[in-house]
Amino acid sequence: MWSLTGSAWAESGDFLHWRSGSGRVDARIRSWSFDRVLESVVRATGWEVFVEPETGSKVSVTFRDLPKGAALRRLLGDLNYAIIPRPGRADKLIIYATNIRSATKRIEAFDAVLSGAEAGGLNRIANELVVKSGGKRDVEAMARKLGAQIVGSLDEEGLYRLRFEDEEAALKARETMDSIDDLDAEANYAKPRPTTPQSLPAGSSLPFTLNPSPPGGDALIVGMIDTAIQPEAGNLEGFLLPGVSVGGEVAPPLGEPTHGTSMADTTLRGVSLSMKGETSGIRILPVDVYGASEYTSTFDVAWGISEAIKGGARVVNLSLGGSGDTDYLRTLIGNGAKDGIVFFASAGNEPVTTPVYPAAYEHVIAVTAGDRNGQLAPYANRGAFVDLIAPGGNVVAFGNASFMVSGTSPASAFAAGMAVGVAEQTGGSVEAGVKKLRESFEFKGN
């Protein structure tokens, strides 16, 4: 049991002081997490900091008046680093254990980013933390002492979502939790709701002609981590399993398809294109991680993935993303991959090379979008983490109208559908379907 007796805040005198004029550094750090050290460097220097994921350990150092190079060596231990000057811009600090190209995780100052705001941005939910621990009772006791509420839990993963009164309380709580060896506290990032499809003139699309066949006992199930899916759309109903909502119940709009509905449609079109027959036993498990909110969070995405896996999904599609990188989501996906789950995710709708998560995780197939000529779409991410390029558009029939959905979201859904379609058609594994997919859709860079 963790002990928070006595004056927990008496240990808050630690500091990292980076003197901008002389470039000299003072520090007194007692058992800070590695991420917290790097966040403090960002806050003090304004540098852009990238680190190789899953590197670093607790830091305990005390020194005075060291030059920045010597200070970094004390702070980083055995890790390699490089400082890249950029005239007119902030310098870049790259930290790595194996090679410099592995430093893909961007570090942001914890108290510099608030909740909400811009799509695709790094949006921390300022008054929340996600805590990983092996003991729920310990977390409950700690939350009571720190004045926090547990507003979400994944007991089997040891993950707990804590909400504090304000950002300051969350910051102080993180200082306390960083001193506990068997406890990890990370940010919870907001991920904006994807845009809904755009209306087109009536008759622009026809529903896909694939029909559901009895799935049998070993049906291929695709977990769709997205907004709610409307079963009445097109020919979807027979392919949908009973859905799960981790974002709260919501009544989808009547006059237009949701983003989730359009992704389900796109996935089944991908299945249809890879099948010789007109029926399929593939099923889609809808997992709504948005509810009625304009945002989901990395915790709820993790929760949604957990529900999809428990529901039998062998493929998980994540047509969502952002720049917030968390070890708990990375670990959950990595563990799923070890159990044979195949993950697809959209690479992002900005023409940059910056990693987008969860697409940039090692065990996720990152899909960017191509235009009608098979070339990289002008809006699409082209980063080194991208694996496949797939069609970046689909026309969805809904009611008596047609709607266009475009971006790397449908590209990911299309690729997932193609992979499971090939697997069903050949009787092979999803991994074999992915291998076949790479032959035609591998992204060569641009």
Protein backbone atom coordinates (compact mmCIF):
# COMPACT_ATOMS: atom_id res chain seq x y z
CA MET A 1 0.00 0.00 0.00
CA TRP A 2 1.33 3.43 -0.89
CA SER A 3 1.79 5.84 1.96
CA LEU A 4 0.79 9.46 1.52
CA THR A 5 0.93 10.32 5.17
CA GLY A 6 2.76 13.36 6.42
CA SER A 7 3.37 16.36 4.22
CA ALA A 8 3.36 14.98 0.68
CA TRP A 9 3.90 18.49 -0.69
CA ALA A 10 7.08 18.95 1.35
CA GLU A 11 8.86 17.03 -1.39
CA SER A 12 7.84 19.56 -4.05
CA GLY A 13 11.05 21.60 -3.69
CA ASP A 14 12.70 19.83 -6.63
CA PHE A 15 13.60 21.99 -9.62
CA LEU A 16 15.34 22.16 -12.98
CA HIS A 17 16.65 25.68 -13.59
CA TRP A 18 17.95 26.41 -17.08
CA ARG A 19 19.52 29.87 -17.27
CA SER A 20 18.78 31.11 -20.76
CA GLY A 21 21.47 33.80 -20.77
CA SER A 22 24.48 31.67 -19.86
CA GLY A 23 23.08 28.29 -20.83
CA ARG A 24 24.10 26.91 -17.43
CA VAL A 25 21.87 24.53 -15.52
CA ASP A 26 21.04 23.82 -11.87
CA ALA A 27 18.97 20.84 -10.78
CA ARG A 28 17.67 19.04 -7.71
CA ILE A 29 15.55 16.12 -8.81
CA ARG A 30 14.46 13.26 -6.59
CA SER A 31 12.84 10.39 -8.50
CA TRP A 32 11.19 12.23 -11.38
CA SER A 33 9.80 10.21 -14.27
CA PHE A 34 11.84 10.50 -17.46
CA ASP A 35 8.96 12.17 -19.31
CA ARG A 36 8.63 14.74 -16.57
CA VAL A 37 12.33 15.62 -16.86
CA LEU A 38 12.00 16.08 -20.62
CA GLU A 39 8.84 18.13 -20.23
CA SER A 40 10.74 20.41 -17.86
CA VAL A 41 13.51 20.78 -20.45
CA VAL A 42 10.93 21.77 -23.06
CA ARG A 43 9.37 24.29 -20.70
CA ALA A 44 12.74 25.80 -19.79
CA THR A 45 14.35 25.93 -23.24
CA GLY A 46 11.53 26.05 -25.79
CA TRP A 47 13.29 23.28 -27.74
CA GLU A 48 11.43 20.68 -29.77
CA VAL A 49 12.27 17.39 -28.07
CA PHE A 50 11.88 13.96 -29.64
CA VAL A 51 12.74 10.73 -27.82
CA GLU A 52 12.84 7.06 -28.73
CA PRO A 53 9.73 5.47 -27.20
CA GLU A 54 10.08 3.24 -24.15
CA THR A 55 13.47 4.64 -23.18
CA GLY A 56 14.59 6.33 -19.98
CA SER A 57 13.94 5.59 -16.33
CA LYS A 58 13.39 7.45 -13.07
CA VAL A 59 15.85 10.34 -12.67
CA SER A 60 17.49 11.40 -9.40
CA VAL A 61 20.28 13.98 -9.75
CA THR A 62 21.63 17.05 -8.01
CA PHE A 63 24.10 19.47 -9.61
CA ARG A 64 24.86 23.17 -9.90
CA ASP A 65 26.13 25.45 -12.64
CA LEU A 66 26.77 22.83 -15.32
CA PRO A 67 26.96 23.73 -19.02
CA LYS A 68 24.04 22.37 -21.03
CA GLY A 69 26.00 19.45 -22.49
CA ALA A 70 27.15 18.20 -19.10
CA ALA A 71 23.69 18.79 -17.65
CA LEU A 72 22.04 16.74 -20.39
CA ARG A 73 24.52 13.94 -19.83
CA ARG A 74 23.57 13.81 -16.14
CA LEU A 75 19.85 13.97 -16.94
CA LEU A 76 19.86 11.42 -19.78
CA GLY A 77 22.18 8.81 -18.33
CA ASP A 78 23.42 6.35 -20.97
CA LEU A 79 21.10 7.56 -23.73
CA ASN A 80 22.48 9.25 -26.84
CA TYR A 81 21.42 12.73 -27.81
CA ALA A 82 21.91 15.34 -30.49
CA ILE A 83 21.07 19.06 -30.44
CA ILE A 84 20.23 20.35 -33.92
CA PRO A 85 20.45 24.18 -34.24
CA ARG A 86 17.78 25.69 -36.49
CA PRO A 87 18.28 29.39 -37.28
CA GLY A 88 15.08 31.34 -36.78
CA ARG A 89 13.40 28.40 -35.07
CA ALA A 90 13.66 26.50 -31.81
CA ASP A 91 16.55 24.03 -31.60
CA LYS A 92 15.68 20.35 -31.78
CA LEU A 93 16.86 17.85 -29.15
CA ILE A 94 16.82 14.21 -30.25
CA ILE A 95 17.26 11.44 -27.65
CA TYR A 96 17.73 7.80 -28.58
CA ALA A 97 19.08 4.45 -27.45
CA THR A 98 19.40 2.57 -30.76
CA ASN A 99 19.45 5.00 -33.69
CA ILE A 100 18.48 8.60 -34.29
CA ARG A 101 15.58 7.70 -36.60
CA SER A 102 13.89 5.88 -33.72
CA ALA A 103 13.28 9.15 -31.84
CA THR A 104 9.63 9.62 -32.87
CA LYS A 105 7.88 10.50 -29.61
CA ARG A 106 7.43 14.25 -29.22
CA ILE A 107 7.56 15.74 -25.73
CA GLU A 108 5.38 18.70 -24.76
CA ALA A 109 5.49 20.70 -21.54
CA PHE A 110 2.79 19.25 -19.27
CA ASP A 111 1.30 22.55 -18.17
CA ALA A 112 1.58 24.27 -21.54
CA VAL A 113 -1.37 22.64 -23.29
CA LEU A 114 -4.97 22.79 -22.15
CA SER A 115 -7.99 20.71 -23.08
CA GLY A 116 -10.08 21.17 -26.18
CA ALA A 117 -9.12 23.26 -29.19
CA GLU A 118 -7.74 22.30 -32.56
CA ALA A 119 -8.17 19.10 -34.53
CA GLY A 120 -4.97 17.17 -34.89
CA GLY A 121 -3.23 19.20 -32.20
CA LEU A 122 -1.60 18.00 -29.02
CA ASN A 123 -4.48 18.58 -26.60
CA ARG A 124 -3.88 17.48 -23.04
CA ILE A 125 -6.89 17.34 -20.79
CA ALA A 126 -5.38 19.63 -18.21
CA ASN A 127 -7.18 18.38 -15.09
CA GLU A 128 -6.82 14.64 -15.78
CA LEU A 129 -4.20 11.94 -15.45
CA VAL A 130 -4.21 8.29 -16.49
CA VAL A 131 -2.60 6.11 -13.83
CA LYS A 132 -1.24 2.62 -14.43
CA SER A 133 -1.07 0.40 -11.36
CA GLY A 134 -1.51 -3.17 -10.31
CA GLY A 135 -3.80 -2.31 -7.39
CA LYS A 136 -7.21 -0.64 -7.71
CA ARG A 137 -7.60 -0.21 -3.95
CA ASP A 138 -4.30 1.63 -3.81
CA VAL A 139 -5.40 3.99 -6.58
CA GLU A 140 -8.73 4.60 -4.85
CA ALA A 141 -6.95 5.46 -1.59
CA MET A 142 -4.53 7.74 -3.38
CA ALA A 143 -7.33 9.49 -5.28
CA ARG A 144 -9.15 10.25 -2.04
CA LYS A 145 -6.04 11.76 -0.49
CA LEU A 146 -5.31 13.86 -3.57
CA GLY A 147 -8.90 15.07 -4.00
CA ALA A 148 -9.40 13.27 -7.31
CA GLN A 149 -12.26 11.25 -8.77
CA ILE A 150 -11.76 7.98 -10.63
CA VAL A 151 -13.92 8.62 -13.69
CA GLY A 152 -12.87 5.58 -15.68
CA SER A 153 -11.13 2.28 -15.11
CA LEU A 154 -9.78 -0.66 -17.07
CA ASP A 155 -9.11 -3.03 -14.20
CA GLU A 156 -7.72 -5.81 -16.38
CA GLU A 157 -5.16 -3.37 -17.80
CA GLY A 158 -4.49 -1.65 -14.49
CA LEU A 159 -5.50 1.73 -15.97
CA TYR A 160 -7.43 4.42 -14.09
CA ARG A 161 -8.62 7.81 -15.28
CA LEU A 162 -8.37 10.44 -12.55
CA ARG A 163 -10.02 13.85 -12.71
CA PHE A 164 -8.87 16.71 -10.48
CA GLU A 165 -10.43 20.03 -9.55
CA ASP A 166 -8.11 21.94 -11.85
CA GLU A 167 -4.78 21.80 -13.67
CA GLU A 168 -2.77 22.90 -10.64
CA ALA A 169 -4.12 20.01 -8.58
CA ALA A 170 -3.25 17.58 -11.38
CA LEU A 171 0.29 18.94 -11.55
CA LYS A 172 0.83 18.58 -7.82
CA ALA A 173 -0.62 15.08 -7.88
CA ARG A 174 1.73 14.09 -10.64
CA GLU A 175 4.69 15.22 -8.55
CA THR A 176 3.53 12.90 -5.79
CA MET A 177 2.88 9.97 -8.11
CA ASP A 178 6.26 10.34 -9.82
CA SER A 179 7.89 9.43 -6.51
CA ILE A 180 6.08 6.06 -6.34
CA ASP A 181 8.08 3.30 -8.04
CA ASP A 182 5.22 0.97 -9.05
CA LEU A 183 3.00 3.72 -10.40
CA ASP A 184 3.00 5.52 -13.75
CA ALA A 185 0.99 8.68 -14.37
CA GLU A 186 0.53 10.05 -17.88
CA ALA A 187 -1.54 12.65 -19.63
CA ASN A 188 -4.94 12.02 -21.16
CA TYR A 189 -5.22 13.59 -24.61
CA ALA A 190 -8.38 14.88 -26.26
CA LYS A 191 -9.03 13.68 -29.80
CA PRO A 192 -11.61 15.73 -31.75
CA ARG A 193 -14.63 14.07 -33.32
CA PRO A 194 -14.01 13.29 -37.00
CA THR A 195 -15.88 15.38 -39.55
CA THR A 196 -19.13 14.01 -40.96
CA PRO A 197 -19.42 13.14 -44.67
CA GLN A 198 -20.43 15.86 -47.12
CA SER A 199 -23.77 15.73 -48.89
CA LEU A 200 -23.76 15.00 -52.64
CA PRO A 201 -26.48 15.09 -55.30
CA ALA A 202 -28.91 12.19 -54.99
CA GLY A 203 -28.05 9.06 -56.89
CA SER A 204 -24.28 9.57 -56.76
CA SER A 205 -23.76 6.18 -55.13
CA LEU A 206 -25.29 2.77 -54.85
CA PRO A 207 -25.05 0.58 -51.77
CA PHE A 208 -22.39 -2.11 -52.00
CA THR A 209 -23.81 -5.39 -53.29
CA LEU A 210 -22.13 -7.66 -50.75
CA ASN A 211 -24.61 -9.59 -48.64
CA PRO A 212 -24.09 -11.17 -45.22
CA SER A 213 -23.79 -14.92 -45.01
CA PRO A 214 -23.98 -16.98 -41.82
CA PRO A 215 -20.63 -16.26 -40.16
CA GLY A 216 -20.12 -19.63 -38.54
CA GLY A 217 -18.15 -20.09 -35.32
CA ASP A 218 -14.92 -18.41 -36.41
CA ALA A 219 -16.15 -15.27 -38.18
CA LEU A 220 -13.61 -12.57 -38.88
CA ILE A 221 -14.65 -9.63 -36.70
CA VAL A 222 -13.49 -6.05 -37.34
CA GLY A 223 -13.61 -3.77 -34.31
CA MET A 224 -14.58 -0.27 -35.49
CA ILE A 225 -13.31 2.31 -32.96
CA ASP A 226 -15.23 5.40 -34.03
CA THR A 227 -18.48 7.29 -33.59
CA ALA A 228 -21.82 5.49 -33.41
CA ILE A 229 -22.85 3.40 -36.45
CA GLN A 230 -26.38 3.50 -37.88
CA PRO A 231 -27.45 -0.06 -38.76
CA GLU A 232 -30.20 1.13 -41.09
CA ALA A 233 -27.68 2.66 -43.51
CA GLY A 234 -27.45 0.94 -46.88
CA ASN A 235 -26.80 -2.77 -46.49
CA LEU A 236 -25.00 -2.53 -43.15
CA GLU A 237 -27.43 -4.09 -40.72
CA GLY A 238 -26.72 -7.73 -41.48
CA PHE A 239 -22.99 -7.20 -40.98
CA LEU A 240 -23.18 -5.45 -37.61
CA LEU A 241 -22.79 -7.11 -34.24
CA PRO A 242 -24.39 -5.50 -31.17
CA GLY A 243 -22.36 -2.39 -30.50
CA VAL A 244 -20.54 -1.09 -27.44
CA SER A 245 -20.44 2.53 -26.29
CA VAL A 246 -17.71 3.78 -23.95
CA GLY A 247 -18.53 7.41 -24.67
CA GLY A 248 -22.13 7.31 -23.44
CA GLU A 249 -25.31 6.50 -25.29
CA VAL A 250 -26.32 8.78 -28.16
CA ALA A 251 -29.04 8.87 -30.78
CA PRO A 252 -27.32 9.31 -34.18
CA PRO A 253 -28.74 11.93 -36.56
CA LEU A 254 -31.52 10.84 -38.89
CA GLY A 255 -30.64 12.75 -42.05
CA GLU A 256 -26.96 11.97 -42.54
CA PRO A 257 -24.48 9.18 -41.90
CA THR A 258 -22.08 9.43 -38.98
CA HIS A 259 -18.35 9.11 -39.48
CA GLY A 260 -18.56 5.61 -37.98
CA THR A 261 -21.28 4.61 -40.44
CA SER A 262 -19.22 5.82 -43.38
CA MET A 263 -16.17 3.89 -42.09
CA ALA A 264 -18.23 0.70 -41.78
CA ASP A 265 -19.49 1.21 -45.33
CA THR A 266 -15.95 1.81 -46.58
CA THR A 267 -14.63 -1.30 -44.82
CA LEU A 268 -17.28 -3.48 -46.44
CA ARG A 269 -16.55 -1.96 -49.84
CA GLY A 270 -12.96 -3.01 -49.29
CA VAL A 271 -14.17 -6.50 -48.44
CA SER A 272 -16.34 -6.56 -51.55
CA LEU A 273 -13.48 -5.60 -53.86
CA SER A 274 -11.33 -8.44 -52.56
CA MET A 275 -14.06 -11.12 -52.81
CA LYS A 276 -15.04 -13.22 -55.79
CA GLY A 277 -18.40 -14.12 -54.31
CA GLU A 278 -21.35 -11.94 -53.36
CA THR A 279 -21.61 -12.93 -49.69
CA SER A 280 -19.34 -12.64 -46.70
CA GLY A 281 -19.38 -13.86 -43.11
CA ILE A 282 -17.24 -10.95 -41.92
CA ARG A 283 -18.80 -8.94 -39.11
CA ILE A 284 -18.21 -5.43 -37.75
CA LEU A 285 -18.24 -4.74 -34.02
CA PRO A 286 -19.09 -1.03 -33.53
CA VAL A 287 -17.33 0.62 -30.57
CA ASP A 288 -18.44 4.22 -30.02
CA VAL A 289 -15.74 6.20 -28.19
CA TYR A 290 -17.34 9.63 -28.73
CA GLY A 291 -20.96 9.43 -27.62
CA ALA A 292 -22.46 12.91 -27.87
CA SER A 293 -19.15 14.65 -27.14
CA GLU A 294 -17.04 16.62 -29.57
CA TYR A 295 -14.00 14.80 -28.20
CA THR A 296 -12.85 11.40 -27.17
CA SER A 297 -9.62 10.77 -25.28
CA THR A 298 -6.66 8.43 -25.42
CA PHE A 299 -8.04 6.66 -22.32
CA ASP A 300 -11.40 6.06 -24.03
CA VAL A 301 -9.65 4.86 -27.18
CA ALA A 302 -7.75 2.35 -25.03
CA TRP A 303 -11.04 1.36 -23.41
CA GLY A 304 -12.64 0.94 -26.83
CA ILE A 305 -9.80 -1.26 -28.07
CA SER A 306 -10.11 -3.40 -24.95
CA GLU A 307 -13.84 -3.84 -25.56
CA ALA A 308 -13.27 -4.74 -29.21
CA ILE A 309 -10.74 -7.41 -28.30
CA LYS A 310 -13.02 -8.83 -25.61
CA GLY A 311 -15.77 -8.93 -28.25
CA GLY A 312 -13.66 -11.18 -30.47
CA ALA A 313 -12.20 -8.65 -32.93
CA ARG A 314 -9.20 -9.97 -34.82
CA VAL A 315 -8.81 -6.67 -36.69
CA VAL A 316 -9.21 -3.21 -35.17
CA ASN A 317 -9.63 -0.10 -37.30
CA LEU A 318 -8.87 3.32 -35.82
CA SER A 319 -9.82 6.06 -38.26
CA LEU A 320 -8.76 8.72 -35.77
CA GLY A 321 -5.54 10.10 -34.37
CA GLY A 322 -3.48 12.96 -33.06
CA SER A 323 0.01 13.86 -31.87
CA GLY A 324 -0.52 12.77 -28.25
CA ASP A 325 1.65 9.72 -27.52
CA THR A 326 1.06 7.65 -24.39
CA ASP A 327 2.82 4.53 -23.16
CA TYR A 328 -0.44 2.98 -21.92
CA LEU A 329 -2.04 3.04 -25.37
CA ARG A 330 1.18 1.86 -27.00
CA THR A 331 1.43 -1.04 -24.52
CA LEU A 332 -2.20 -2.07 -24.95
CA ILE A 333 -1.81 -2.23 -28.72
CA GLY A 334 1.51 -4.07 -28.42
CA ASN A 335 -0.05 -6.69 -26.17
CA GLY A 336 -2.94 -7.08 -28.59
CA ALA A 337 -0.52 -7.59 -31.47
CA LYS A 338 1.25 -10.34 -29.51
CA ASP A 339 -2.13 -12.11 -29.34
CA GLY A 340 -2.55 -11.87 -33.12
CA ILE A 341 -4.76 -8.76 -33.32
CA VAL A 342 -4.08 -6.65 -36.43
CA PHE A 343 -4.45 -2.88 -36.08
CA PHE A 344 -5.06 -0.32 -38.84
CA ALA A 345 -5.08 3.46 -38.29
CA SER A 346 -5.29 6.63 -40.35
CA ALA A 347 -2.03 8.54 -40.84
CA GLY A 348 -3.48 12.06 -40.61
CA ASN A 349 -4.85 14.72 -42.92
CA GLU A 350 -1.98 17.20 -42.92
CA PRO A 351 0.78 17.15 -45.60
CA VAL A 352 3.57 16.66 -43.05
CA THR A 353 5.85 13.89 -41.80
CA THR A 354 5.09 14.30 -38.09
CA PRO A 355 4.05 11.07 -36.35
CA VAL A 356 0.35 10.66 -35.65
CA TYR A 357 -0.86 8.26 -32.97
CA PRO A 358 -1.96 5.51 -32.81
CA ALA A 359 -0.89 5.10 -36.47
CA ALA A 360 2.80 5.65 -35.67
CA TYR A 361 2.99 2.87 -33.08
CA GLU A 362 5.16 -0.09 -34.05
CA HIS A 363 2.34 -2.64 -34.16
CA VAL A 364 -0.13 -0.52 -36.14
CA ILE A 365 -0.47 -0.50 -39.94
CA ALA A 366 -0.51 3.21 -40.79
CA VAL A 367 -2.51 4.10 -43.89
CA THR A 368 -2.29 7.33 -45.84
CA ALA A 369 -4.59 8.47 -48.63
CA GLY A 370 -4.16 8.33 -52.39
CA ASP A 371 -6.01 10.28 -55.07
CA ARG A 372 -7.88 8.74 -58.01
CA ASN A 373 -4.57 8.25 -59.84
CA GLY A 374 -3.02 6.38 -56.95
CA GLN A 375 -0.72 9.27 -56.04
CA LEU A 376 -0.40 10.65 -52.53
CA ALA A 377 -3.32 12.99 -51.86
CA PRO A 378 -2.16 16.61 -51.37
CA TYR A 379 -3.59 16.75 -47.84
CA ALA A 380 -2.21 13.41 -46.61
CA ASN A 381 0.61 12.66 -44.15
CA ARG A 382 3.71 11.14 -45.78
CA GLY A 383 5.80 10.36 -42.66
CA ALA A 384 8.30 7.52 -42.40
CA PHE A 385 5.86 5.64 -40.15
CA VAL A 386 3.33 5.21 -43.00
CA ASP A 387 2.95 1.65 -44.30
CA LEU A 388 0.20 1.69 -46.94
CA ILE A 389 -1.51 4.08 -49.35
CA ALA A 390 -5.16 3.39 -50.13
CA PRO A 391 -8.07 5.22 -51.77
CA GLY A 392 -8.86 8.37 -49.80
CA GLY A 393 -12.53 8.66 -50.65
CA ASN A 394 -15.83 6.81 -50.63
CA VAL A 395 -19.38 7.76 -51.56
CA VAL A 396 -21.86 6.49 -48.98
CA ALA A 397 -25.53 5.88 -49.72
CA PHE A 398 -27.74 6.90 -46.82
CA GLY A 399 -31.50 7.05 -47.12
CA ASN A 400 -32.27 8.66 -50.44
CA ALA A 401 -29.08 10.72 -50.52
CA SER A 402 -25.38 10.28 -51.14
CA PHE A 403 -22.47 11.52 -49.05
CA MET A 404 -18.75 11.83 -49.71
CA VAL A 405 -16.22 10.92 -47.03
CA SER A 406 -12.57 11.67 -47.75
CA GLY A 407 -9.21 11.58 -46.01
CA THR A 408 -6.92 9.02 -44.45
CA SER A 409 -9.87 7.77 -42.38
CA PRO A 410 -11.54 5.96 -45.29
CA ALA A 411 -8.10 4.90 -46.54
CA SER A 412 -7.54 3.01 -43.29
CA ALA A 413 -11.03 1.51 -43.30
CA PHE A 414 -10.65 0.46 -46.92
CA ALA A 415 -7.30 -1.24 -46.21
CA ALA A 416 -8.74 -3.08 -43.20
CA GLY A 417 -11.62 -4.32 -45.34
CA MET A 418 -9.31 -5.49 -48.11
CA ALA A 419 -7.14 -7.41 -45.65
CA VAL A 420 -10.00 -9.29 -44.01
CA GLY A 421 -11.63 -9.89 -47.41
CA VAL A 422 -8.47 -11.52 -48.74
CA ALA A 423 -8.21 -13.59 -45.56
CA GLU A 424 -11.78 -14.84 -45.90
CA GLN A 425 -11.48 -15.46 -49.61
CA THR A 426 -8.27 -17.50 -49.32
CA GLY A 427 -8.98 -19.12 -45.98
CA GLY A 428 -5.69 -17.73 -44.71
CA SER A 429 -4.78 -15.43 -41.85
CA VAL A 430 -5.33 -11.69 -41.67
CA GLU A 431 -1.54 -11.33 -41.61
CA ALA A 432 -1.43 -13.10 -44.98
CA GLY A 433 -4.10 -10.68 -46.21
CA VAL A 434 -1.95 -7.76 -45.06
CA LYS A 435 1.06 -9.22 -46.87
CA LYS A 436 -1.00 -9.43 -50.05
CA LEU A 437 -2.17 -5.87 -49.51
CA ARG A 438 1.39 -4.59 -49.24
CA GLU A 439 2.14 -5.92 -52.70
CA SER A 440 -0.30 -3.44 -54.23
CA PHE A 441 -0.62 -0.65 -51.68
CA GLU A 442 2.77 -0.31 -49.96
CA PHE A 443 3.69 3.33 -49.42
CA LYS A 444 7.07 4.08 -50.99
CA GLY A 445 7.36 7.60 -49.63
CA ASN A 446 7.02 10.85 -51.52
